[in-house]
Amino acid sequence: MTDDREEGLEKRRAQLGAELATKRVEAGKEEAIEASAEASRKGYAQAMKLSSEFISAIVVGAVLGYLLDRFVGTAPWGLIVLLLLGFCAGVLNVLRAAGKVAKPETNLRDDNRK
């Protein structure tokens, strides 16, 4: 009688081990899917940040150029020059945020002190 019980327990233990193994594999797949979704969300957030920085630099340049032209009377040269400067500033901000260009020198000195 004890042999039958031990065999039944061994059989149930083997089944439980197999079920646990499949559950672990499924949980690993779910974690991988969740990690890829998190990476996708971070990428989307970074893209939105970079695009908004770029567009805002251009808009600020255009507005300042327009105001300069209105008050000084240099139309359309202030708008053209400051729009181009805004575009250049936007490109530089995007490159800095993406890590393709070094930080300005003053920030590097501050970082080295910390």
Protein backbone atom coordinates (compact mmCIF):
# COMPACT_ATOMS: atom_id res chain seq x y z
CA MET A 1 0.00 0.00 0.00
CA THR A 2 2.82 2.42 0.75
CA ASP A 3 4.35 1.70 -2.65
CA ASP A 4 1.14 2.74 -4.38
CA ARG A 5 1.00 5.96 -2.40
CA GLU A 6 4.65 6.76 -3.12
CA GLU A 7 4.18 6.06 -6.82
CA GLY A 8 1.09 8.28 -6.86
CA LEU A 9 2.98 11.02 -5.05
CA GLU A 10 5.92 10.73 -7.44
CA LYS A 11 3.57 10.86 -10.41
CA ARG A 12 1.81 13.95 -9.04
CA ARG A 13 5.16 15.57 -8.22
CA ALA A 14 6.37 14.99 -11.79
CA GLN A 15 3.13 16.46 -13.19
CA LEU A 16 3.44 19.47 -10.90
CA GLY A 17 7.06 19.96 -11.96
CA ALA A 18 6.04 19.88 -15.62
CA GLU A 19 3.22 22.36 -15.03
CA LEU A 20 5.55 24.69 -13.13
CA ALA A 21 8.08 24.53 -15.95
CA THR A 22 5.46 25.52 -18.52
CA LYS A 23 4.20 28.34 -16.27
CA ARG A 24 7.78 29.66 -15.90
CA VAL A 25 8.25 29.64 -19.67
CA GLU A 26 4.95 31.50 -20.15
CA ALA A 27 5.88 34.03 -17.45
CA GLY A 28 9.25 34.58 -19.13
CA LYS A 29 7.51 35.27 -22.44
CA GLU A 30 5.14 37.74 -20.77
CA GLU A 31 8.07 39.55 -19.15
CA ALA A 32 9.85 39.78 -22.50
CA ILE A 33 6.74 41.21 -24.14
CA GLU A 34 6.33 43.71 -21.32
CA ALA A 35 9.99 44.75 -21.55
CA SER A 36 9.72 45.34 -25.29
CA ALA A 37 6.54 47.39 -24.77
CA GLU A 38 8.35 49.48 -22.14
CA ALA A 39 11.24 50.09 -24.53
CA SER A 40 8.74 51.12 -27.20
CA ARG A 41 7.08 53.60 -24.83
CA LYS A 42 10.44 55.09 -23.88
CA GLY A 43 11.36 55.46 -27.53
CA TYR A 44 8.08 57.20 -28.27
CA ALA A 45 8.57 59.58 -25.34
CA GLN A 46 12.10 60.41 -26.51
CA ALA A 47 10.83 61.07 -30.05
CA MET A 48 8.11 63.40 -28.77
CA LYS A 49 10.62 65.27 -26.61
CA LEU A 50 13.09 65.73 -29.47
CA SER A 51 10.44 66.82 -31.96
CA SER A 52 8.90 69.33 -29.56
CA GLU A 53 12.33 70.83 -28.79
CA PHE A 54 13.07 71.17 -32.49
CA ILE A 55 9.73 72.75 -33.38
CA SER A 56 9.75 75.12 -30.41
CA ALA A 57 13.22 76.45 -31.33
CA ILE A 58 12.01 77.22 -34.85
CA VAL A 59 8.82 78.88 -33.59
CA VAL A 60 10.72 81.02 -31.09
CA GLY A 61 13.15 82.12 -33.81
CA ALA A 62 10.29 83.02 -36.15
CA VAL A 63 8.39 84.97 -33.49
CA LEU A 64 11.48 86.91 -32.41
CA GLY A 65 12.30 87.65 -36.06
CA TYR A 66 8.78 88.87 -36.72
CA LEU A 67 8.83 91.10 -33.64
CA LEU A 68 12.23 92.48 -34.62
CA ASP A 69 10.92 93.30 -38.08
CA ARG A 70 7.78 94.95 -36.65
CA PHE A 71 9.64 97.24 -34.26
CA VAL A 72 12.82 97.98 -36.20
CA GLY A 73 11.38 97.90 -39.71
CA THR A 74 13.89 95.53 -41.26
CA ALA A 75 11.32 93.27 -42.93
CA PRO A 76 11.91 90.47 -43.97
CA TRP A 77 15.57 90.19 -42.89
CA GLY A 78 15.03 89.81 -39.16
CA LEU A 79 12.51 87.03 -39.72
CA ILE A 80 14.79 85.22 -42.17
CA VAL A 81 17.91 85.47 -40.01
CA LEU A 82 16.25 84.54 -36.72
CA LEU A 83 14.27 81.75 -38.35
CA LEU A 84 17.54 80.24 -39.60
CA LEU A 85 19.12 80.73 -36.17
CA GLY A 86 16.10 79.01 -34.58
CA PHE A 87 16.49 76.12 -36.99
CA CYS A 88 20.18 75.80 -36.13
CA ALA A 89 19.41 75.97 -32.41
CA GLY A 90 16.76 73.28 -32.81
CA VAL A 91 19.14 70.97 -34.64
CA LEU A 92 21.82 71.54 -31.99
CA ASN A 93 19.34 70.81 -29.17
CA VAL A 94 18.24 67.59 -30.82
CA LEU A 95 21.83 66.48 -31.35
CA ARG A 96 22.70 67.26 -27.73
CA ALA A 97 19.68 65.40 -26.40
CA ALA A 98 20.48 62.40 -28.61
CA GLY A 99 24.05 62.39 -27.31
CA LYS A 100 25.69 63.08 -30.66
CA VAL A 101 27.21 66.42 -29.58
CA ALA A 102 29.04 67.17 -26.33
CA LYS A 103 27.51 69.36 -23.66
CA PRO A 104 28.49 73.03 -23.54
CA GLU A 105 31.76 73.75 -21.72
CA THR A 106 30.13 75.46 -18.73
CA ASN A 107 28.02 72.36 -18.03
CA LEU A 108 31.07 70.13 -18.27
CA ARG A 109 32.86 72.18 -15.62
CA ASP A 110 29.82 71.92 -13.32
CA ASP A 111 29.64 68.13 -13.87
CA ASN A 112 33.32 67.67 -13.04
CA ARG A 113 32.91 69.46 -9.68
CA LYS A 114 30.18 67.05 -8.55
